[in-house]
Amino acid sequence: MDYRKSKAPISTISRDMSLMWKDTGNIYETVKIVAKRANQISAELKHDLDKKLSEFASFNDSLEEVFENREQIEISRYYEKLPKPTLIATKEFEDNELYWKNPVKKDSMD
């Protein structure tokens, strides 16, 4: 997913909790779904950032060779300005872009 195109807010906003648990029937289940998705997003972002920053990796262990790379700083700033994974996951949940299933509920219905 391209997180640059995400319409998630950059800062935390208040949400109506009664609307958040309507789909699942349980606020704790909603929190669990959003948390799992946020962990997935966080892992993807970390992987992307590590891949981009690996281009600038220095394999010398010399303390004297400390330098700043302008491109590396810009990449880091870009990722810092992105919405946090929990905000992206919450927005995806609100927009019904997430798929989840609870096998426990399925078994109890039989």
Protein backbone atom coordinates (compact mmCIF):
# COMPACT_ATOMS: atom_id res chain seq x y z
CA MET A 1 0.00 0.00 0.00
CA ASP A 2 1.17 3.50 -0.74
CA TYR A 3 0.98 5.28 2.60
CA ARG A 4 1.59 8.66 0.98
CA LYS A 5 -1.93 8.48 -0.44
CA SER A 6 -3.48 7.62 2.92
CA LYS A 7 -6.14 10.03 4.08
CA ALA A 8 -5.39 9.28 7.72
CA PRO A 9 -4.91 12.32 9.94
CA ILE A 10 -1.37 13.13 10.99
CA SER A 11 -2.38 13.93 14.55
CA THR A 12 -4.70 12.15 16.94
CA ILE A 13 -8.39 13.02 16.73
CA SER A 14 -11.36 12.11 18.91
CA ARG A 15 -13.61 9.35 17.65
CA ASP A 16 -17.14 8.26 18.51
CA MET A 17 -16.59 4.94 20.28
CA SER A 18 -20.15 3.77 19.72
CA LEU A 19 -19.48 3.81 15.97
CA MET A 20 -16.16 2.01 16.34
CA TRP A 21 -17.56 -1.20 17.80
CA LYS A 22 -20.74 -1.38 15.73
CA ASP A 23 -19.23 -3.78 13.15
CA THR A 24 -17.67 -6.17 15.65
CA GLY A 25 -20.09 -5.87 18.54
CA ASN A 26 -17.23 -5.50 21.01
CA ILE A 27 -14.89 -2.54 21.52
CA TYR A 28 -12.04 -4.81 22.63
CA GLU A 29 -12.28 -6.84 19.47
CA THR A 30 -12.19 -3.62 17.46
CA VAL A 31 -9.06 -2.50 19.31
CA LYS A 32 -7.45 -5.88 18.67
CA ILE A 33 -8.21 -5.71 14.93
CA VAL A 34 -6.84 -2.17 14.63
CA ALA A 35 -3.75 -3.08 16.69
CA LYS A 36 -2.95 -6.10 14.52
CA ARG A 37 -3.29 -4.03 11.37
CA ALA A 38 -1.14 -1.26 12.88
CA ASN A 39 1.58 -3.84 13.59
CA GLN A 40 1.43 -4.99 9.97
CA ILE A 41 1.70 -1.43 8.69
CA SER A 42 4.54 -0.68 11.08
CA ALA A 43 6.48 -3.72 9.88
CA GLU A 44 5.94 -2.72 6.23
CA LEU A 45 7.09 0.86 6.89
CA LYS A 46 10.14 -0.35 8.79
CA HIS A 47 11.06 -2.75 6.00
CA ASP A 48 10.72 0.02 3.39
CA LEU A 49 12.76 2.46 5.45
CA ASP A 50 15.50 -0.10 6.15
CA LYS A 51 15.67 -0.95 2.45
CA LYS A 52 16.07 2.71 1.47
CA LEU A 53 18.59 3.47 4.20
CA SER A 54 20.67 0.37 3.42
CA GLU A 55 21.89 2.16 0.31
CA PHE A 56 23.71 4.60 2.58
CA ALA A 57 25.17 1.98 4.91
CA SER A 58 28.83 2.38 5.72
CA PHE A 59 30.75 -0.76 6.53
CA ASN A 60 33.69 1.06 8.12
CA ASP A 61 33.90 1.01 11.91
CA SER A 62 35.89 4.20 12.14
CA LEU A 63 34.62 6.83 14.57
CA GLU A 64 36.37 9.50 12.57
CA GLU A 65 34.20 8.97 9.52
CA VAL A 66 30.98 10.38 10.89
CA PHE A 67 29.22 12.29 8.16
CA GLU A 68 25.73 13.43 7.35
CA ASN A 69 24.14 12.45 4.10
CA ARG A 70 21.51 14.95 2.97
CA GLU A 71 19.47 12.30 1.10
CA GLN A 72 19.43 10.03 4.14
CA ILE A 73 18.16 12.87 6.32
CA GLU A 74 15.41 13.68 3.81
CA ILE A 75 14.27 10.05 3.70
CA SER A 76 14.12 9.94 7.49
CA ARG A 77 12.15 13.20 7.65
CA TYR A 78 9.70 11.90 5.08
CA TYR A 79 8.96 8.80 7.17
CA GLU A 80 8.66 10.88 10.33
CA LYS A 81 5.97 13.03 8.70
CA LEU A 82 3.80 10.08 7.67
CA PRO A 83 0.73 9.32 9.80
CA LYS A 84 1.43 6.83 12.57
CA PRO A 85 0.49 3.19 11.85
CA THR A 86 -2.32 3.23 14.42
CA LEU A 87 -3.92 6.24 12.73
CA ILE A 88 -3.66 4.60 9.31
CA ALA A 89 -5.15 1.34 10.65
CA THR A 90 -7.98 3.18 12.39
CA LYS A 91 -8.81 5.07 9.19
CA GLU A 92 -8.80 1.80 7.23
CA PHE A 93 -11.17 0.28 9.81
CA GLU A 94 -13.52 3.27 9.67
CA ASP A 95 -13.58 3.13 5.86
CA ASN A 96 -14.35 -0.64 5.91
CA GLU A 97 -11.11 -1.45 4.09
CA LEU A 98 -10.13 -4.22 6.53
CA TYR A 99 -11.19 -7.83 6.40
CA TRP A 100 -11.26 -9.88 9.57
CA LYS A 101 -12.94 -12.95 10.92
CA ASN A 102 -13.27 -14.37 14.39
CA PRO A 103 -13.18 -18.17 14.34
CA VAL A 104 -14.46 -18.33 17.91
CA LYS A 105 -17.67 -16.53 17.00
CA LYS A 106 -18.14 -18.76 13.95
CA ASP A 107 -17.83 -21.91 16.08
CA SER A 108 -20.24 -20.62 18.73
CA MET A 109 -22.93 -19.96 16.09
CA ASP A 110 -23.02 -23.60 14.95
